[in-house]
Amino acid sequence: MSKTNTFQAIPITVKSGEKMQKPQGFTAIRDGIKSQGDAAPAPLLRKPDWLRVRLPSGGKYEEVRKNVKANRLATVCEESKCPNIGECWDAGTATIMLMGDVCTRACRFCSVDTGNPRGWLDLQEPENAAESVRLMDLKYIVLTSVDRDDLDDGGAAHYAACVRSIKEINPQTAVEALTPDFQGRFECVETVVDSGLEVFAQNVETVRRLTHPVRDPRAGYDQTLSLLEHAKKYRPDVLTKTSLMLGLGETDDEVLECLDDLRRINVDIVTLGQYLRPTVNHLSVERYVTPERFQEFREQGLAKGFLEVVSGPLVRSSYRAERVLEMNNVGLD
């Protein structure tokens, strides 16, 4: 494993879907999915008014941006082109993406760069992540990461080190870990869950029928369910959480069937949001789900016994995560 621990962003001049050289010395595909060349992109559906958001700006936004850059951190807010970045950063919160910004998977909904980091890790990341949490005075932090199939343990030990470092400097801060699937290895889940976190999350992303082609072939619907089930059985005191994107071609009945599958394994929290196509190389939006239907899904999920169902067009798995136990759809109702 490389002991290089520097990570500096460089200006990006490569087009989406093309190969690029990363500063750590390996190549990656920008935005995760290769360009289809001369293939005509699928027509875009007109985005409804309820999906329009303000552009990021403001003093607090700039403060968080500088803090993230100074500590050489990647954020899922930036890498996944999250529509809520302005709201969240202006509120002084960010979701830290561990282990760099290059994923070994190539899910067709995700715009994170894909490639093979060849064992690269920032060995100062646990310390830098903890310092960022301290500087932002966060009471709740979501840690997520790219998939790192190039590492023997999928990065579980590094993940746990980051959680422990955050807890050591910020003992009152609650930590949520939205992890990779570790190729289904329970011992990796146990490593992360034993690190002192409050919430363990692994996203199922979509309904069973659409798992492929939506997710990378190495991911799986049942694989995600098994990890969530094991985490809950192994540490019943830790909350478990997952997320679904809607608008990829699923039916309402399939969404409800997925909720039944999740409740059967005692998942505590589910988030539901609208899929938005990040580039023309990614999957098309098949429908825009109305705010009213999202509210109905929330009510149906709560009736099934979930602790909370956070549901809305702009909801993402880490959106207002610190407010999830307020039991009011994180203030969206």
Protein backbone atom coordinates (compact mmCIF):
# COMPACT_ATOMS: atom_id res chain seq x y z
CA MET A 1 0.00 0.00 0.00
CA SER A 2 1.33 3.43 -0.92
CA LYS A 3 2.26 5.71 1.92
CA THR A 4 1.67 8.86 -0.10
CA ASN A 5 -0.46 11.21 1.93
CA THR A 6 -0.79 14.30 -0.22
CA PHE A 7 -3.97 15.10 -2.10
CA GLN A 8 -4.21 18.31 -4.08
CA ALA A 9 -6.91 19.15 -6.58
CA ILE A 10 -5.83 20.12 -10.09
CA PRO A 11 -7.84 22.05 -12.67
CA ILE A 12 -10.05 19.68 -14.66
CA THR A 13 -9.94 20.13 -18.44
CA VAL A 14 -11.08 16.62 -19.34
CA LYS A 15 -14.63 16.20 -20.60
CA SER A 16 -17.17 14.08 -18.75
CA GLY A 17 -16.75 10.40 -19.59
CA GLU A 18 -13.12 10.69 -20.69
CA LYS A 19 -9.97 9.32 -19.07
CA MET A 20 -7.98 11.67 -16.86
CA GLN A 21 -4.78 11.58 -14.82
CA LYS A 22 -5.25 11.98 -11.06
CA PRO A 23 -2.64 13.78 -8.93
CA GLN A 24 -1.97 10.56 -7.00
CA GLY A 25 -0.53 8.97 -10.15
CA PHE A 26 -3.35 6.79 -11.50
CA THR A 27 -6.02 7.31 -14.15
CA ALA A 28 -9.78 7.57 -13.79
CA ILE A 29 -12.89 8.19 -15.87
CA ARG A 30 -14.29 11.62 -15.12
CA ASP A 31 -17.84 11.44 -13.72
CA GLY A 32 -17.66 7.66 -13.57
CA ILE A 33 -19.26 6.55 -16.85
CA LYS A 34 -17.44 6.42 -20.19
CA SER A 35 -18.70 8.64 -22.96
CA GLN A 36 -20.96 6.92 -25.47
CA GLY A 37 -19.17 8.69 -28.30
CA ASP A 38 -21.46 9.57 -31.18
CA ALA A 39 -24.47 7.83 -29.63
CA ALA A 40 -27.37 10.23 -29.31
CA PRO A 41 -28.23 10.89 -25.64
CA ALA A 42 -31.71 10.05 -24.45
CA PRO A 43 -34.04 13.06 -24.43
CA LEU A 44 -34.25 14.96 -21.18
CA LEU A 45 -37.52 15.28 -19.32
CA ARG A 46 -38.37 18.84 -18.37
CA LYS A 47 -37.49 19.36 -14.73
CA PRO A 48 -40.54 20.38 -12.65
CA ASP A 49 -40.54 23.54 -10.57
CA TRP A 50 -40.30 21.64 -7.27
CA LEU A 51 -36.79 20.48 -8.18
CA ARG A 52 -35.31 23.93 -8.69
CA VAL A 53 -32.71 24.98 -6.10
CA ARG A 54 -30.70 28.11 -5.50
CA LEU A 55 -27.06 28.32 -6.52
CA PRO A 56 -24.52 27.85 -3.71
CA SER A 57 -23.21 31.10 -2.24
CA GLY A 58 -22.79 32.98 1.03
CA GLY A 59 -20.19 33.42 3.73
CA LYS A 60 -20.80 30.11 5.53
CA TYR A 61 -20.70 28.22 2.25
CA GLU A 62 -17.32 29.74 1.45
CA GLU A 63 -16.06 28.96 4.98
CA VAL A 64 -16.96 25.28 4.64
CA ARG A 65 -15.49 25.13 1.14
CA LYS A 66 -12.16 26.55 2.37
CA ASN A 67 -12.11 24.19 5.35
CA VAL A 68 -12.69 21.18 3.11
CA LYS A 69 -9.95 22.29 0.73
CA ALA A 70 -7.45 23.14 3.49
CA ASN A 71 -7.82 19.68 5.03
CA ARG A 72 -7.59 17.92 1.65
CA LEU A 73 -11.01 16.31 2.08
CA ALA A 74 -13.31 15.05 -0.64
CA THR A 75 -17.03 15.59 -0.09
CA VAL A 76 -19.91 13.68 -1.58
CA CYS A 77 -21.63 17.06 -1.84
CA GLU A 78 -19.24 18.06 -4.63
CA GLU A 79 -18.37 14.71 -6.19
CA SER A 80 -21.98 13.56 -6.64
CA LYS A 81 -23.19 17.00 -7.75
CA CYS A 82 -25.72 17.10 -4.91
CA PRO A 83 -28.47 19.70 -5.48
CA ASN A 84 -28.49 20.55 -1.75
CA ILE A 85 -24.87 21.67 -1.49
CA GLY A 86 -25.81 25.35 -1.12
CA GLU A 87 -28.32 24.70 1.66
CA CYS A 88 -26.12 22.28 3.60
CA TRP A 89 -22.84 24.16 3.33
CA ASP A 90 -24.53 27.46 4.15
CA ALA A 91 -25.79 25.72 7.31
CA GLY A 92 -22.20 24.74 8.13
CA THR A 93 -22.52 21.01 7.43
CA ALA A 94 -20.88 18.73 4.89
CA THR A 95 -20.73 15.01 4.23
CA ILE A 96 -17.10 13.90 4.15
CA MET A 97 -16.19 11.32 1.52
CA LEU A 98 -13.33 9.14 2.76
CA MET A 99 -10.56 7.37 0.85
CA GLY A 100 -10.34 9.82 -2.02
CA ASP A 101 -12.61 10.73 -4.90
CA VAL A 102 -12.06 7.77 -7.23
CA CYS A 103 -14.37 4.75 -6.94
CA THR A 104 -13.55 1.26 -8.16
CA ARG A 105 -17.20 0.79 -9.14
CA ALA A 106 -19.10 2.34 -12.05
CA CYS A 107 -22.75 2.59 -11.04
CA ARG A 108 -24.79 4.15 -13.82
CA PHE A 109 -26.49 6.73 -11.60
CA CYS A 110 -23.34 8.09 -9.93
CA SER A 111 -21.01 10.85 -11.12
CA VAL A 112 -18.03 10.07 -8.88
CA ASP A 113 -14.87 9.40 -10.94
CA THR A 114 -14.13 5.70 -11.43
CA GLY A 115 -10.77 3.95 -11.68
CA ASN A 116 -8.26 1.90 -9.71
CA PRO A 117 -6.46 3.86 -6.95
CA ARG A 118 -4.00 0.95 -6.59
CA GLY A 119 -3.90 1.04 -2.81
CA TRP A 120 -3.48 4.79 -2.42
CA LEU A 121 -4.71 6.23 0.88
CA ASP A 122 -4.26 9.57 2.59
CA LEU A 123 -2.78 8.44 5.90
CA GLN A 124 -3.49 11.84 7.44
CA GLU A 125 -7.20 11.66 6.62
CA PRO A 126 -8.39 10.44 10.05
CA GLU A 127 -6.64 13.39 11.70
CA ASN A 128 -7.82 15.87 9.05
CA ALA A 129 -11.41 14.66 9.20
CA ALA A 130 -11.46 15.02 12.99
CA GLU A 131 -10.01 18.52 12.79
CA SER A 132 -12.61 19.56 10.21
CA VAL A 133 -15.42 18.34 12.45
CA ARG A 134 -13.90 20.35 15.32
CA LEU A 135 -13.55 23.51 13.23
CA MET A 136 -17.13 23.29 11.97
CA ASP A 137 -18.33 22.54 15.52
CA LEU A 138 -20.53 19.73 14.24
CA LYS A 139 -22.83 17.77 16.53
CA TYR A 140 -23.51 15.23 13.78
CA ILE A 141 -21.29 14.14 10.90
CA VAL A 142 -21.96 11.79 8.00
CA LEU A 143 -18.97 9.90 6.67
CA THR A 144 -19.34 8.21 3.31
CA SER A 145 -16.79 6.87 0.87
CA VAL A 146 -16.04 5.55 -2.55
CA ASP A 147 -15.87 1.77 -3.02
CA ARG A 148 -12.29 0.58 -2.65
CA ASP A 149 -12.19 -2.94 -4.05
CA ASP A 150 -8.43 -2.48 -4.51
CA LEU A 151 -7.90 -2.67 -0.72
CA ASP A 152 -7.82 -6.03 1.06
CA ASP A 153 -10.54 -4.99 3.52
CA GLY A 154 -12.34 -2.55 1.25
CA GLY A 155 -11.08 0.27 3.47
CA ALA A 156 -12.89 -0.89 6.62
CA ALA A 157 -9.90 -0.32 8.91
CA HIS A 158 -9.32 3.18 7.49
CA TYR A 159 -13.02 3.96 7.92
CA ALA A 160 -12.88 2.84 11.55
CA ALA A 161 -9.74 4.90 12.15
CA CYS A 162 -11.53 8.01 10.91
CA VAL A 163 -14.50 7.40 13.22
CA ARG A 164 -12.23 6.83 16.23
CA SER A 165 -10.22 9.96 15.47
CA ILE A 166 -13.36 12.06 15.21
CA LYS A 167 -14.71 10.64 18.46
CA GLU A 168 -11.40 11.23 20.27
CA ILE A 169 -11.36 14.94 19.46
CA ASN A 170 -15.15 15.45 19.32
CA PRO A 171 -16.64 12.98 21.84
CA GLN A 172 -20.08 14.63 21.74
CA THR A 173 -20.37 14.42 17.94
CA ALA A 174 -22.65 11.69 16.60
CA VAL A 175 -21.23 9.81 13.61
CA GLU A 176 -23.12 8.19 10.76
CA ALA A 177 -21.16 5.92 8.42
CA LEU A 178 -22.56 5.38 4.92
CA THR A 179 -20.23 2.61 3.84
CA PRO A 180 -19.34 0.57 0.76
CA ASP A 181 -20.69 -2.96 0.61
CA PHE A 182 -17.25 -4.51 1.31
CA GLN A 183 -18.18 -7.20 -1.23
CA GLY A 184 -20.53 -8.67 1.36
CA ARG A 185 -17.91 -9.39 4.04
CA PHE A 186 -19.43 -9.28 7.51
CA GLU A 187 -16.08 -8.92 9.28
CA CYS A 188 -15.58 -5.56 7.53
CA VAL A 189 -19.00 -4.39 8.72
CA GLU A 190 -18.07 -5.39 12.26
CA THR A 191 -14.82 -3.41 12.05
CA VAL A 192 -16.75 -0.25 11.18
CA VAL A 193 -19.64 -0.81 13.57
CA ASP A 194 -17.22 -1.40 16.47
CA SER A 195 -15.53 1.99 15.90
CA GLY A 196 -18.01 3.92 18.05
CA LEU A 197 -20.53 5.24 15.51
CA GLU A 198 -24.23 5.81 16.10
CA VAL A 199 -25.66 5.02 12.64
CA PHE A 200 -24.58 2.39 10.10
CA ALA A 201 -25.86 2.94 6.56
CA GLN A 202 -25.55 1.06 3.28
CA ASN A 203 -27.70 2.14 0.37
CA VAL A 204 -29.90 -0.31 -1.51
CA GLU A 205 -30.29 2.50 -4.11
CA THR A 206 -33.22 1.04 -6.08
CA VAL A 207 -35.77 -1.76 -6.19
CA ARG A 208 -34.74 -5.38 -6.74
CA ARG A 209 -35.68 -5.53 -10.45
CA LEU A 210 -33.61 -2.46 -11.34
CA THR A 211 -30.52 -3.24 -9.26
CA HIS A 212 -28.77 -4.11 -12.50
CA PRO A 213 -28.22 -2.06 -14.63
CA VAL A 214 -28.55 0.78 -12.07
CA ARG A 215 -25.75 -0.50 -9.81
CA ASP A 216 -22.32 -1.88 -10.66
CA PRO A 217 -22.36 -5.67 -11.28
CA ARG A 218 -20.34 -6.19 -8.08
CA ALA A 219 -23.13 -4.65 -6.02
CA GLY A 220 -26.35 -6.46 -5.23
CA TYR A 221 -29.77 -6.01 -3.69
CA ASP A 222 -29.51 -9.06 -1.43
CA GLN A 223 -25.89 -8.28 -0.63
CA THR A 224 -26.88 -4.88 0.75
CA LEU A 225 -29.77 -6.38 2.70
CA SER A 226 -27.46 -8.97 4.24
CA LEU A 227 -25.01 -6.30 5.43
CA LEU A 228 -27.75 -4.20 6.99
CA GLU A 229 -29.23 -7.27 8.66
CA HIS A 230 -25.86 -8.35 10.04
CA ALA A 231 -25.03 -4.90 11.37
CA LYS A 232 -28.31 -4.80 13.28
CA LYS A 233 -27.93 -8.29 14.72
CA TYR A 234 -24.29 -7.67 15.64
CA ARG A 235 -24.94 -4.31 17.33
CA PRO A 236 -28.66 -3.84 18.04
CA ASP A 237 -27.92 -0.48 19.70
CA VAL A 238 -26.65 1.00 16.41
CA LEU A 239 -29.29 2.46 14.08
CA THR A 240 -29.36 1.10 10.54
CA LYS A 241 -30.26 3.21 7.53
CA THR A 242 -30.61 2.94 3.75
CA SER A 243 -31.74 5.02 0.78
CA LEU A 244 -33.65 4.64 -2.47
CA MET A 245 -33.72 6.82 -5.57
CA LEU A 246 -37.04 7.08 -7.37
CA GLY A 247 -37.62 7.88 -11.01
CA LEU A 248 -35.50 5.11 -12.56
CA GLY A 249 -38.42 3.10 -13.88
CA GLU A 250 -39.65 1.43 -10.70
CA THR A 251 -43.34 1.01 -9.95
CA ASP A 252 -44.99 2.18 -6.75
CA ASP A 253 -45.68 -1.44 -5.81
CA GLU A 254 -41.98 -2.25 -6.18
CA VAL A 255 -41.09 0.60 -3.82
CA LEU A 256 -43.47 -0.79 -1.23
CA GLU A 257 -42.07 -4.30 -1.71
CA CYS A 258 -38.58 -2.91 -1.08
CA LEU A 259 -39.79 -1.21 2.09
CA ASP A 260 -41.20 -4.56 3.24
CA ASP A 261 -37.83 -6.23 2.59
CA LEU A 262 -36.05 -3.56 4.63
CA ARG A 263 -38.49 -3.67 7.52
CA ARG A 264 -38.21 -7.46 7.63
CA ILE A 265 -34.51 -7.09 8.56
CA ASN A 266 -35.25 -4.30 11.07
CA VAL A 267 -33.76 -1.35 9.18
CA ASP A 268 -34.58 1.72 11.26
CA ILE A 269 -34.41 4.64 8.82
CA VAL A 270 -35.11 4.95 5.09
CA THR A 271 -34.67 7.99 2.85
CA LEU A 272 -36.44 8.40 -0.50
CA GLY A 273 -35.44 11.00 -3.09
CA GLN A 274 -35.73 11.81 -6.77
CA TYR A 275 -33.02 10.51 -9.12
CA LEU A 276 -31.47 13.32 -11.15
CA ARG A 277 -29.32 12.48 -14.15
CA PRO A 278 -25.84 13.92 -13.53
CA THR A 279 -24.54 13.75 -17.15
CA VAL A 280 -25.77 12.59 -20.56
CA ASN A 281 -23.70 9.41 -20.09
CA HIS A 282 -25.79 8.31 -17.10
CA LEU A 283 -29.20 6.67 -16.85
CA SER A 284 -32.16 8.74 -17.95
CA VAL A 285 -34.88 9.95 -15.61
CA GLU A 286 -37.99 7.88 -16.33
CA ARG A 287 -40.38 9.95 -14.22
CA TYR A 288 -40.49 12.81 -11.76
CA VAL A 289 -42.27 11.73 -8.59
CA THR A 290 -44.48 14.44 -7.13
CA PRO A 291 -44.01 15.84 -3.62
CA GLU A 292 -47.46 14.47 -2.78
CA ARG A 293 -46.45 10.93 -3.75
CA PHE A 294 -43.26 11.21 -1.72
CA GLN A 295 -45.39 12.15 1.27
CA GLU A 296 -47.60 9.12 0.68
CA PHE A 297 -44.55 6.86 0.58
CA ARG A 298 -43.44 8.35 3.89
CA GLU A 299 -46.78 7.66 5.53
CA GLN A 300 -46.86 4.11 4.14
CA GLY A 301 -43.32 3.48 5.39
CA LEU A 302 -44.10 4.76 8.87
CA ALA A 303 -47.14 2.50 8.95
CA LYS A 304 -44.84 -0.44 8.24
CA GLY A 305 -42.89 0.35 11.41
CA PHE A 306 -39.79 2.33 10.39
CA LEU A 307 -38.44 4.70 13.01
CA GLU A 308 -38.39 7.42 10.36
CA VAL A 309 -38.90 7.70 6.61
CA VAL A 310 -37.35 10.86 5.15
CA SER A 311 -39.05 11.41 1.82
CA GLY A 312 -39.03 14.24 -0.70
CA PRO A 313 -37.85 15.14 -4.21
CA LEU A 314 -34.55 16.67 -3.08
CA VAL A 315 -33.87 14.26 -0.22
CA ARG A 316 -30.52 12.47 -0.35
CA SER A 317 -29.25 9.82 2.05
CA SER A 318 -27.34 12.35 4.17
CA TYR A 319 -29.74 15.30 3.77
CA ARG A 320 -30.37 16.95 7.16
CA ALA A 321 -29.23 13.66 8.69
CA GLU A 322 -28.75 15.23 12.11
CA ARG A 323 -32.49 16.00 12.25
CA VAL A 324 -33.79 12.53 11.43
CA LEU A 325 -34.94 11.75 14.99
CA GLU A 326 -37.15 14.83 15.13
CA MET A 327 -39.80 12.59 13.52
CA ASN A 328 -41.05 15.37 11.22
CA ASN A 329 -39.49 14.42 7.87
CA VAL A 330 -36.40 16.47 8.90
CA GLY A 331 -38.51 19.61 8.86
CA LEU A 332 -39.87 19.16 5.34
CA ASP A 333 -43.47 18.64 6.48
